[in-house]
Amino acid sequence: MTIEFGDVLFNVRNMKVAPLLANGTYGGSVALDYGNTMSFAVESDTDELMSYGMAVERLSIPVRVTGSFQQGAFNAIALWILTGMVTTSSGTTPNQTADTEILGGGSGLPYFGIIGDFAATNGANGLVLLRKVQLDAMPEWKVEQNKFRLSEVNFTGMAIDTTGRKMVKIRRNETAANIPDFNIFAA
């Protein structure tokens, strides 16, 4: 077996998120500043048909994607896409302020899409689109002594619709390419 372009991946180079709109398209995207890690796994429902004391058939049906990512910046636009939190800013330099309120209840956390750009050997890269994602909970706020604040969030993703059943798109580029427009890449 021969290793091809984009097969050997390392380092997240960029992550972008975009709100998933009610019509199944994406709104404007924003980069996750100081992205650190991104991981996901496809989960399946399983079942076995037993007959005469033994397994004779088995099912393994992909049903969802679960994973996590980290970022090291408090980006108000990204937080709005991920959580629906609204930030209001006022003032001018050097006396600006930005207030973000975390609200309980309501309609819950929104759906969004995320694309990860991963470096690969020999100048290639890989792009991964998770089409319909929702955070499992609000980002945790944790600051440790003499360490930068990193926000790690867990998410669950699913197919964007029941017709196409598309959950994840992976593209390998022989020559590294930037993250494309969400709606074009998702087509």
N, C-alpha and C. Protein backbone atom coordinates (compact mmCIF):
# COMPACT_ATOMS: atom_id res chain seq x y z
N MET A 1 0.84 -1.18 0.00
CA MET A 1 0.00 0.00 0.00
C MET A 1 0.88 1.24 0.00
N THR A 2 0.56 2.19 -0.83
CA THR A 2 1.34 3.41 -0.96
C THR A 2 0.67 4.55 -0.20
N ILE A 3 1.48 5.29 0.54
CA ILE A 3 0.98 6.49 1.21
C ILE A 3 0.81 7.57 0.16
N GLU A 4 -0.37 8.20 0.12
CA GLU A 4 -0.64 9.25 -0.85
C GLU A 4 -0.65 10.62 -0.17
N PHE A 5 -0.80 11.65 -0.98
CA PHE A 5 -0.83 13.02 -0.47
C PHE A 5 -1.95 13.17 0.56
N GLY A 6 -1.63 13.91 1.63
CA GLY A 6 -2.61 14.18 2.66
C GLY A 6 -2.96 13.01 3.55
N ASP A 7 -2.23 11.90 3.43
CA ASP A 7 -2.51 10.74 4.28
C ASP A 7 -1.91 10.89 5.68
N VAL A 8 -0.77 11.57 5.79
CA VAL A 8 -0.08 11.71 7.07
C VAL A 8 -0.29 13.14 7.56
N LEU A 9 -1.22 13.29 8.50
CA LEU A 9 -1.62 14.60 9.00
C LEU A 9 -1.01 14.88 10.37
N PHE A 10 -0.84 16.17 10.65
CA PHE A 10 -0.39 16.63 11.97
C PHE A 10 -0.83 18.07 12.13
N ASN A 11 -0.72 18.64 13.27
CA ASN A 11 -1.01 20.04 13.59
C ASN A 11 -2.26 20.61 12.93
N VAL A 12 -3.14 21.10 13.77
CA VAL A 12 -4.26 21.90 13.30
C VAL A 12 -3.68 23.25 12.88
N ARG A 13 -3.96 23.67 11.63
CA ARG A 13 -3.46 24.96 11.14
C ARG A 13 -4.50 26.06 11.28
N ASN A 14 -5.76 25.68 11.26
CA ASN A 14 -6.83 26.66 11.35
C ASN A 14 -8.13 25.91 11.62
N MET A 15 -9.04 26.57 12.31
CA MET A 15 -10.40 26.06 12.49
C MET A 15 -11.34 27.23 12.29
N LYS A 16 -12.40 27.01 11.53
CA LYS A 16 -13.42 28.03 11.33
C LYS A 16 -14.78 27.45 11.67
N VAL A 17 -15.63 28.31 12.22
CA VAL A 17 -17.01 27.93 12.52
C VAL A 17 -17.94 28.88 11.79
N ALA A 18 -19.13 28.38 11.45
CA ALA A 18 -20.15 29.19 10.80
C ALA A 18 -21.51 28.75 11.33
N PRO A 19 -22.42 29.71 11.55
CA PRO A 19 -23.75 29.32 12.02
C PRO A 19 -24.49 28.53 10.94
N LEU A 20 -25.18 27.48 11.35
CA LEU A 20 -26.04 26.72 10.45
C LEU A 20 -27.41 27.37 10.47
N LEU A 21 -27.83 27.87 9.34
CA LEU A 21 -29.10 28.60 9.24
C LEU A 21 -30.26 27.63 9.04
N ALA A 22 -31.47 28.12 9.29
CA ALA A 22 -32.68 27.28 9.21
C ALA A 22 -32.87 26.66 7.82
N ASN A 23 -32.37 27.32 6.76
CA ASN A 23 -32.53 26.78 5.40
C ASN A 23 -31.45 25.78 5.02
N GLY A 24 -30.59 25.39 5.97
CA GLY A 24 -29.55 24.39 5.71
C GLY A 24 -28.27 24.95 5.12
N THR A 25 -28.16 26.27 4.99
CA THR A 25 -26.92 26.89 4.53
C THR A 25 -26.21 27.49 5.72
N TYR A 26 -25.00 28.00 5.48
CA TYR A 26 -24.19 28.56 6.55
C TYR A 26 -24.11 30.08 6.42
N GLY A 27 -24.10 30.75 7.57
CA GLY A 27 -23.85 32.17 7.62
C GLY A 27 -22.35 32.42 7.55
N GLY A 28 -21.95 33.66 7.75
CA GLY A 28 -20.53 34.02 7.68
C GLY A 28 -19.69 33.27 8.69
N SER A 29 -18.49 32.87 8.28
CA SER A 29 -17.61 32.08 9.15
C SER A 29 -16.61 32.98 9.85
N VAL A 30 -16.05 32.45 10.92
CA VAL A 30 -15.01 33.14 11.68
C VAL A 30 -14.00 32.10 12.15
N ALA A 31 -12.73 32.49 12.17
CA ALA A 31 -11.67 31.59 12.64
C ALA A 31 -11.70 31.51 14.16
N LEU A 32 -11.38 30.34 14.68
CA LEU A 32 -11.19 30.20 16.13
C LEU A 32 -9.76 30.62 16.43
N ASP A 33 -9.63 31.80 17.02
CA ASP A 33 -8.30 32.33 17.32
C ASP A 33 -7.57 31.40 18.29
N TYR A 34 -6.31 31.21 18.04
CA TYR A 34 -5.44 30.38 18.89
C TYR A 34 -6.00 28.98 19.06
N GLY A 35 -6.44 28.38 17.95
CA GLY A 35 -6.91 27.01 17.99
C GLY A 35 -5.77 26.09 18.42
N ASN A 36 -6.13 25.01 19.08
CA ASN A 36 -5.12 24.15 19.67
C ASN A 36 -5.28 22.70 19.22
N THR A 37 -6.43 22.11 19.45
CA THR A 37 -6.66 20.71 19.07
C THR A 37 -8.07 20.56 18.50
N MET A 38 -8.26 19.52 17.71
CA MET A 38 -9.58 19.14 17.22
C MET A 38 -9.59 17.63 17.04
N SER A 39 -10.59 16.99 17.59
CA SER A 39 -10.70 15.54 17.42
C SER A 39 -12.17 15.17 17.30
N PHE A 40 -12.42 14.06 16.62
CA PHE A 40 -13.79 13.56 16.51
C PHE A 40 -13.76 12.07 16.24
N ALA A 41 -14.87 11.43 16.53
CA ALA A 41 -15.06 10.01 16.24
C ALA A 41 -16.50 9.80 15.80
N VAL A 42 -16.70 8.89 14.89
CA VAL A 42 -18.05 8.53 14.44
C VAL A 42 -18.55 7.42 15.37
N GLU A 43 -19.71 7.65 15.96
CA GLU A 43 -20.32 6.65 16.84
C GLU A 43 -21.40 5.89 16.08
N SER A 44 -21.57 4.62 16.45
CA SER A 44 -22.55 3.77 15.78
C SER A 44 -23.44 3.08 16.79
N ASP A 45 -24.67 2.83 16.39
CA ASP A 45 -25.54 1.93 17.13
C ASP A 45 -25.25 0.52 16.63
N THR A 46 -25.21 -0.43 17.55
CA THR A 46 -24.91 -1.80 17.16
C THR A 46 -25.98 -2.75 17.69
N ASP A 47 -26.08 -3.88 17.03
CA ASP A 47 -27.00 -4.92 17.46
C ASP A 47 -26.52 -6.24 16.87
N GLU A 48 -26.88 -7.33 17.54
CA GLU A 48 -26.55 -8.67 17.04
C GLU A 48 -27.81 -9.52 17.02
N LEU A 49 -27.93 -10.32 15.99
CA LEU A 49 -29.02 -11.28 15.88
C LEU A 49 -28.48 -12.62 16.37
N MET A 50 -29.12 -13.12 17.41
CA MET A 50 -28.70 -14.39 17.97
C MET A 50 -29.61 -15.51 17.46
N SER A 51 -29.02 -16.67 17.20
CA SER A 51 -29.78 -17.84 16.78
C SER A 51 -29.04 -19.08 17.27
N TYR A 52 -29.77 -19.96 17.92
CA TYR A 52 -29.20 -21.21 18.42
C TYR A 52 -27.97 -20.98 19.28
N GLY A 53 -28.00 -19.91 20.09
CA GLY A 53 -26.93 -19.68 21.05
C GLY A 53 -25.70 -18.99 20.50
N MET A 54 -25.79 -18.47 19.29
CA MET A 54 -24.62 -17.80 18.72
C MET A 54 -25.05 -16.59 17.88
N ALA A 55 -24.12 -15.68 17.67
CA ALA A 55 -24.39 -14.52 16.82
C ALA A 55 -24.33 -14.96 15.36
N VAL A 56 -25.37 -14.59 14.58
CA VAL A 56 -25.39 -14.97 13.17
C VAL A 56 -25.40 -13.74 12.24
N GLU A 57 -25.76 -12.61 12.76
CA GLU A 57 -25.74 -11.36 12.00
C GLU A 57 -25.39 -10.22 12.96
N ARG A 58 -24.87 -9.14 12.41
CA ARG A 58 -24.49 -7.99 13.22
C ARG A 58 -24.78 -6.72 12.45
N LEU A 59 -25.17 -5.67 13.18
CA LEU A 59 -25.36 -4.33 12.63
C LEU A 59 -24.39 -3.37 13.28
N SER A 60 -23.90 -2.43 12.51
CA SER A 60 -23.14 -1.30 13.03
C SER A 60 -23.50 -0.11 12.15
N ILE A 61 -24.37 0.77 12.64
CA ILE A 61 -24.94 1.86 11.86
C ILE A 61 -24.39 3.19 12.39
N PRO A 62 -23.61 3.93 11.58
CA PRO A 62 -23.13 5.25 12.02
C PRO A 62 -24.31 6.19 12.28
N VAL A 63 -24.32 6.81 13.47
CA VAL A 63 -25.46 7.65 13.84
C VAL A 63 -25.10 9.07 14.24
N ARG A 64 -23.88 9.30 14.70
CA ARG A 64 -23.50 10.64 15.15
C ARG A 64 -21.99 10.77 15.18
N VAL A 65 -21.54 12.00 15.35
CA VAL A 65 -20.13 12.32 15.51
C VAL A 65 -19.97 12.98 16.87
N THR A 66 -18.97 12.57 17.63
CA THR A 66 -18.66 13.25 18.89
C THR A 66 -17.20 13.67 18.87
N GLY A 67 -16.90 14.73 19.57
CA GLY A 67 -15.52 15.18 19.60
C GLY A 67 -15.32 16.38 20.48
N SER A 68 -14.17 17.04 20.28
CA SER A 68 -13.84 18.22 21.06
C SER A 68 -12.85 19.08 20.29
N PHE A 69 -12.76 20.33 20.70
CA PHE A 69 -11.71 21.21 20.21
C PHE A 69 -11.35 22.20 21.30
N GLN A 70 -10.16 22.78 21.16
CA GLN A 70 -9.66 23.77 22.11
C GLN A 70 -9.30 25.04 21.37
N GLN A 71 -9.44 26.15 22.08
CA GLN A 71 -8.95 27.43 21.59
C GLN A 71 -8.50 28.25 22.78
N GLY A 72 -7.62 29.20 22.52
CA GLY A 72 -7.03 29.96 23.61
C GLY A 72 -7.42 31.42 23.63
N ALA A 73 -8.45 31.83 22.90
CA ALA A 73 -8.86 33.23 22.89
C ALA A 73 -10.35 33.34 23.15
N PHE A 74 -10.76 34.44 23.74
CA PHE A 74 -12.16 34.72 24.03
C PHE A 74 -12.70 35.55 22.88
N ASN A 75 -13.05 34.90 21.77
CA ASN A 75 -13.48 35.57 20.55
C ASN A 75 -15.00 35.72 20.58
N ALA A 76 -15.48 36.97 20.67
CA ALA A 76 -16.92 37.23 20.83
C ALA A 76 -17.75 36.73 19.65
N ILE A 77 -17.27 36.89 18.43
CA ILE A 77 -18.04 36.44 17.27
C ILE A 77 -18.12 34.91 17.25
N ALA A 78 -17.00 34.24 17.52
CA ALA A 78 -17.02 32.78 17.58
C ALA A 78 -17.93 32.29 18.70
N LEU A 79 -17.89 32.95 19.85
CA LEU A 79 -18.77 32.55 20.95
C LEU A 79 -20.24 32.71 20.59
N TRP A 80 -20.58 33.75 19.84
CA TRP A 80 -21.96 33.91 19.39
C TRP A 80 -22.37 32.74 18.50
N ILE A 81 -21.48 32.34 17.56
CA ILE A 81 -21.79 31.21 16.67
C ILE A 81 -21.94 29.92 17.47
N LEU A 82 -21.04 29.68 18.43
CA LEU A 82 -21.03 28.44 19.20
C LEU A 82 -22.13 28.37 20.24
N THR A 83 -22.49 29.51 20.82
CA THR A 83 -23.36 29.49 22.00
C THR A 83 -24.58 30.40 21.91
N GLY A 84 -24.58 31.36 21.01
CA GLY A 84 -25.65 32.34 20.96
C GLY A 84 -25.43 33.50 21.92
N MET A 85 -24.33 33.50 22.69
CA MET A 85 -24.04 34.60 23.62
C MET A 85 -23.77 35.88 22.83
N VAL A 86 -24.33 36.98 23.30
CA VAL A 86 -24.15 38.27 22.64
C VAL A 86 -23.20 39.13 23.47
N THR A 87 -22.27 39.78 22.78
CA THR A 87 -21.33 40.69 23.42
C THR A 87 -21.61 42.10 22.95
N THR A 88 -21.67 43.03 23.89
CA THR A 88 -21.83 44.44 23.54
C THR A 88 -20.56 45.18 23.92
N SER A 89 -20.12 46.05 23.04
CA SER A 89 -18.89 46.81 23.25
C SER A 89 -19.21 48.29 23.32
N SER A 90 -18.38 49.02 24.06
CA SER A 90 -18.53 50.47 24.12
C SER A 90 -17.18 51.10 24.43
N GLY A 91 -17.13 52.41 24.23
CA GLY A 91 -15.91 53.16 24.54
C GLY A 91 -14.94 53.17 23.38
N THR A 92 -13.87 53.91 23.58
CA THR A 92 -12.80 54.02 22.59
C THR A 92 -11.47 53.74 23.28
N THR A 93 -10.49 53.37 22.50
CA THR A 93 -9.16 53.07 23.04
C THR A 93 -8.63 54.29 23.77
N PRO A 94 -8.12 54.19 24.93
CA PRO A 94 -7.75 53.00 25.69
C PRO A 94 -8.78 52.58 26.72
N ASN A 95 -10.04 52.99 26.57
CA ASN A 95 -11.05 52.73 27.59
C ASN A 95 -12.24 51.93 27.06
N GLN A 96 -11.97 50.97 26.20
CA GLN A 96 -13.04 50.14 25.67
C GLN A 96 -13.48 49.10 26.71
N THR A 97 -14.74 48.70 26.62
CA THR A 97 -15.25 47.58 27.41
C THR A 97 -16.06 46.68 26.50
N ALA A 98 -16.14 45.41 26.85
CA ALA A 98 -16.96 44.43 26.13
C ALA A 98 -17.61 43.53 27.16
N ASP A 99 -18.93 43.51 27.16
CA ASP A 99 -19.69 42.72 28.12
C ASP A 99 -20.37 41.56 27.41
N THR A 100 -20.17 40.36 27.95
CA THR A 100 -20.83 39.16 27.45
C THR A 100 -21.67 38.59 28.57
N GLU A 101 -22.94 38.36 28.29
CA GLU A 101 -23.85 37.79 29.28
C GLU A 101 -24.15 36.34 28.90
N ILE A 102 -24.05 35.45 29.87
CA ILE A 102 -24.43 34.05 29.68
C ILE A 102 -25.84 33.91 30.24
N LEU A 103 -26.78 33.52 29.39
CA LEU A 103 -28.18 33.40 29.78
C LEU A 103 -28.56 31.93 29.96
N GLY A 104 -29.46 31.68 30.88
CA GLY A 104 -29.99 30.34 31.08
C GLY A 104 -31.29 30.18 30.31
N GLY A 105 -31.72 28.96 30.14
CA GLY A 105 -32.99 28.68 29.49
C GLY A 105 -33.01 29.06 28.03
N GLY A 106 -34.14 29.54 27.57
CA GLY A 106 -34.27 29.95 26.18
C GLY A 106 -34.32 28.77 25.23
N SER A 107 -33.79 28.99 24.04
CA SER A 107 -33.87 27.96 23.00
C SER A 107 -32.65 27.04 22.98
N GLY A 108 -31.74 27.20 23.91
CA GLY A 108 -30.58 26.31 23.99
C GLY A 108 -29.47 26.70 23.04
N LEU A 109 -28.50 25.84 22.91
CA LEU A 109 -27.32 26.12 22.10
C LEU A 109 -27.61 25.89 20.62
N PRO A 110 -27.05 26.72 19.75
CA PRO A 110 -27.35 26.65 18.32
C PRO A 110 -26.53 25.57 17.60
N TYR A 111 -26.96 25.27 16.38
CA TYR A 111 -26.19 24.42 15.48
C TYR A 111 -25.20 25.27 14.70
N PHE A 112 -24.06 24.67 14.36
CA PHE A 112 -23.06 25.35 13.54
C PHE A 112 -22.28 24.30 12.77
N GLY A 113 -21.48 24.74 11.82
CA GLY A 113 -20.55 23.87 11.12
C GLY A 113 -19.14 24.25 11.54
N ILE A 114 -18.23 23.30 11.46
CA ILE A 114 -16.83 23.57 11.76
C ILE A 114 -15.96 22.90 10.71
N ILE A 115 -14.95 23.62 10.26
CA ILE A 115 -13.95 23.07 9.33
C ILE A 115 -12.59 23.17 10.01
N GLY A 116 -11.88 22.05 10.04
CA GLY A 116 -10.51 22.01 10.53
C GLY A 116 -9.55 21.84 9.37
N ASP A 117 -8.45 22.57 9.42
CA ASP A 117 -7.38 22.51 8.41
C ASP A 117 -6.17 21.88 9.08
N PHE A 118 -5.73 20.74 8.59
CA PHE A 118 -4.63 19.99 9.20
C PHE A 118 -3.44 19.93 8.25
N ALA A 119 -2.27 20.28 8.74
CA ALA A 119 -1.05 20.17 7.95
C ALA A 119 -0.78 18.70 7.66
N ALA A 120 -0.13 18.44 6.53
CA ALA A 120 0.24 17.08 6.14
C ALA A 120 1.67 17.10 5.60
N THR A 121 2.25 15.93 5.50
CA THR A 121 3.62 15.84 4.99
C THR A 121 3.69 16.26 3.52
N ASN A 122 4.86 16.68 3.11
CA ASN A 122 5.17 17.04 1.72
C ASN A 122 4.30 18.16 1.16
N GLY A 123 3.92 19.11 2.01
CA GLY A 123 3.20 20.29 1.54
C GLY A 123 1.72 20.10 1.30
N ALA A 124 1.18 18.98 1.68
CA ALA A 124 -0.25 18.72 1.51
C ALA A 124 -1.02 19.20 2.75
N ASN A 125 -2.32 19.10 2.71
CA ASN A 125 -3.13 19.32 3.91
C ASN A 125 -4.43 18.55 3.79
N GLY A 126 -5.13 18.50 4.90
CA GLY A 126 -6.44 17.87 4.93
C GLY A 126 -7.44 18.83 5.53
N LEU A 127 -8.62 18.87 4.95
CA LEU A 127 -9.71 19.69 5.45
C LEU A 127 -10.84 18.77 5.90
N VAL A 128 -11.37 19.04 7.09
CA VAL A 128 -12.45 18.23 7.63
C VAL A 128 -13.63 19.14 7.96
N LEU A 129 -14.78 18.86 7.36
CA LEU A 129 -16.01 19.60 7.63
C LEU A 129 -16.95 18.72 8.44
N LEU A 130 -17.34 19.21 9.60
CA LEU A 130 -18.41 18.60 10.38
C LEU A 130 -19.63 19.49 10.14
N ARG A 131 -20.62 18.94 9.49
CA ARG A 131 -21.69 19.74 8.88
C ARG A 131 -22.71 20.32 9.86
N LYS A 132 -23.12 19.56 10.86
CA LYS A 132 -24.15 20.03 11.80
C LYS A 132 -23.72 19.63 13.20
N VAL A 133 -23.27 20.62 13.96
CA VAL A 133 -22.65 20.37 15.26
C VAL A 133 -23.34 21.23 16.32
N GLN A 134 -23.37 20.71 17.53
CA GLN A 134 -23.87 21.48 18.67
C GLN A 134 -22.97 21.17 19.86
N LEU A 135 -22.61 22.20 20.61
CA LEU A 135 -21.83 21.98 21.82
C LEU A 135 -22.66 21.17 22.81
N ASP A 136 -22.00 20.31 23.59
CA ASP A 136 -22.68 19.56 24.62
C ASP A 136 -23.00 20.44 25.83
N ALA A 137 -22.19 21.46 26.04
CA ALA A 137 -22.37 22.40 27.16
C ALA A 137 -21.62 23.69 26.83
N MET A 138 -21.89 24.71 27.58
CA MET A 138 -21.18 25.98 27.41
C MET A 138 -19.68 25.76 27.63
N PRO A 139 -18.83 26.55 26.98
CA PRO A 139 -17.38 26.42 27.21
C PRO A 139 -17.04 26.65 28.69
N GLU A 140 -16.16 25.82 29.18
CA GLU A 140 -15.72 25.95 30.56
C GLU A 140 -14.76 27.13 30.71
N TRP A 141 -14.82 27.80 31.81
CA TRP A 141 -13.89 28.89 32.11
C TRP A 141 -12.93 28.37 33.16
N LYS A 142 -11.68 28.14 32.77
CA LYS A 142 -10.69 27.60 33.69
C LYS A 142 -9.37 28.32 33.46
N VAL A 143 -8.89 28.98 34.50
CA VAL A 143 -7.61 29.66 34.44
C VAL A 143 -6.75 29.12 35.57
N GLU A 144 -5.60 28.57 35.21
CA GLU A 144 -4.68 28.02 36.19
C GLU A 144 -3.51 28.96 36.37
N GLN A 145 -2.88 28.86 37.52
CA GLN A 145 -1.75 29.72 37.84
C GLN A 145 -0.62 29.51 36.84
N ASN A 146 -0.12 30.62 36.31
CA ASN A 146 1.01 30.63 35.37
C ASN A 146 0.74 29.84 34.08
N LYS A 147 -0.51 29.76 33.69
CA LYS A 147 -0.87 29.06 32.45
C LYS A 147 -1.90 29.90 31.69
N PHE A 148 -1.86 29.79 30.36
CA PHE A 148 -2.86 30.44 29.55
C PHE A 148 -4.21 29.74 29.69
N ARG A 149 -5.28 30.51 29.56
CA ARG A 149 -6.62 29.95 29.59
C ARG A 149 -6.88 29.24 28.26
N LEU A 150 -7.24 27.99 28.32
CA LEU A 150 -7.66 27.24 27.14
C LEU A 150 -9.10 26.82 27.36
N SER A 151 -9.90 27.00 26.34
CA SER A 151 -11.29 26.60 26.41
C SER A 151 -11.44 25.32 25.60
N GLU A 152 -11.78 24.23 26.28
CA GLU A 152 -12.05 22.98 25.57
C GLU A 152 -13.54 22.71 25.62
N VAL A 153 -14.11 22.38 24.48
CA VAL A 153 -15.53 22.09 24.41
C VAL A 153 -15.75 20.73 23.76
N ASN A 154 -16.74 20.04 24.25
CA ASN A 154 -17.16 18.78 23.64
C ASN A 154 -18.39 19.06 22.79
N PHE A 155 -18.51 18.31 21.71
CA PHE A 155 -19.64 18.53 20.81
C PHE A 155 -20.19 17.22 20.31
N THR A 156 -21.41 17.31 19.78
CA THR A 156 -22.05 16.19 19.10
C THR A 156 -22.50 16.70 17.73
N GLY A 157 -22.21 15.92 16.71
CA GLY A 157 -22.60 16.29 15.35
C GLY A 157 -23.49 15.22 14.76
N MET A 158 -24.20 15.61 13.72
CA MET A 158 -25.12 14.68 13.08
C MET A 158 -25.23 15.00 11.60
N ALA A 159 -25.97 14.19 10.90
CA ALA A 159 -26.21 14.44 9.48
C ALA A 159 -27.00 15.73 9.34
N ILE A 160 -26.71 16.46 8.28
CA ILE A 160 -27.39 17.75 8.07
C ILE A 160 -28.83 17.54 7.63
N ASP A 161 -29.13 16.39 7.00
CA ASP A 161 -30.52 16.08 6.63
C ASP A 161 -30.64 14.56 6.47
N THR A 162 -31.87 14.09 6.37
CA THR A 162 -32.09 12.65 6.26
C THR A 162 -32.03 12.16 4.82
N THR A 163 -31.99 13.06 3.87
CA THR A 163 -31.91 12.66 2.46
C THR A 163 -30.49 12.29 2.08
N GLY A 164 -29.56 13.22 2.27
CA GLY A 164 -28.16 12.98 1.91
C GLY A 164 -27.39 12.22 2.98
N ARG A 165 -27.82 12.33 4.25
CA ARG A 165 -27.21 11.66 5.41
C ARG A 165 -25.75 12.04 5.62
N LYS A 166 -25.29 13.17 5.07
CA LYS A 166 -23.89 13.57 5.16
C LYS A 166 -23.58 14.18 6.53
N MET A 167 -22.56 13.60 7.22
CA MET A 167 -22.14 14.10 8.53
C MET A 167 -20.78 14.78 8.45
N VAL A 168 -19.81 14.13 7.79
CA VAL A 168 -18.42 14.59 7.77
C VAL A 168 -17.91 14.56 6.33
N LYS A 169 -17.19 15.60 5.94
CA LYS A 169 -16.51 15.61 4.64
C LYS A 169 -15.02 15.79 4.91
N ILE A 170 -14.22 14.92 4.30
CA ILE A 170 -12.76 15.00 4.42
C ILE A 170 -12.18 15.19 3.03
N ARG A 171 -11.40 16.24 2.88
CA ARG A 171 -10.74 16.50 1.60
C ARG A 171 -9.23 16.55 1.84
N ARG A 172 -8.49 15.80 1.01
CA ARG A 172 -7.02 15.84 1.04
C ARG A 172 -6.56 16.65 -0.17
N ASN A 173 -5.71 17.62 0.07
CA ASN A 173 -5.16 18.46 -1.00
C ASN A 173 -3.68 18.15 -1.18
N GLU A 174 -3.28 17.83 -2.41
CA GLU A 174 -1.87 17.55 -2.68
C GLU A 174 -1.01 18.77 -2.40
N THR A 175 -1.52 19.95 -2.77
CA THR A 175 -0.88 21.21 -2.43
C THR A 175 -1.80 21.89 -1.43
N ALA A 176 -1.28 22.23 -0.26
CA ALA A 176 -2.10 22.78 0.82
C ALA A 176 -2.96 23.93 0.32
N ALA A 177 -4.22 23.91 0.71
CA ALA A 177 -5.18 24.94 0.33
C ALA A 177 -5.81 25.53 1.59
N ASN A 178 -6.28 26.76 1.49
CA ASN A 178 -6.96 27.41 2.60
C ASN A 178 -8.36 26.84 2.75
N ILE A 179 -8.97 27.10 3.90
CA ILE A 179 -10.35 26.70 4.13
C ILE A 179 -11.24 27.47 3.16
N PRO A 180 -12.03 26.77 2.36
CA PRO A 180 -12.91 27.45 1.40
C PRO A 180 -14.17 27.98 2.08
N ASP A 181 -15.01 28.65 1.34
CA ASP A 181 -16.31 29.10 1.80
C ASP A 181 -17.12 27.88 2.25
N PHE A 182 -17.79 27.99 3.37
CA PHE A 182 -18.55 26.88 3.93
C PHE A 182 -19.57 26.32 2.94
N ASN A 183 -20.37 27.19 2.34
CA ASN A 183 -21.44 26.72 1.46
C ASN A 183 -20.90 26.04 0.21
N ILE A 184 -19.78 26.51 -0.31
CA ILE A 184 -19.17 25.87 -1.49
C ILE A 184 -18.60 24.51 -1.10
N PHE A 185 -17.89 24.45 0.03
CA PHE A 185 -17.26 23.20 0.47
C PHE A 185 -18.32 22.15 0.83
N ALA A 186 -19.44 22.58 1.38
CA ALA A 186 -20.48 21.65 1.83
C ALA A 186 -21.34 21.12 0.69
N ALA A 187 -21.26 21.78 -0.48
CA ALA A 187 -22.11 21.37 -1.61
C ALA A 187 -21.79 19.95 -2.08
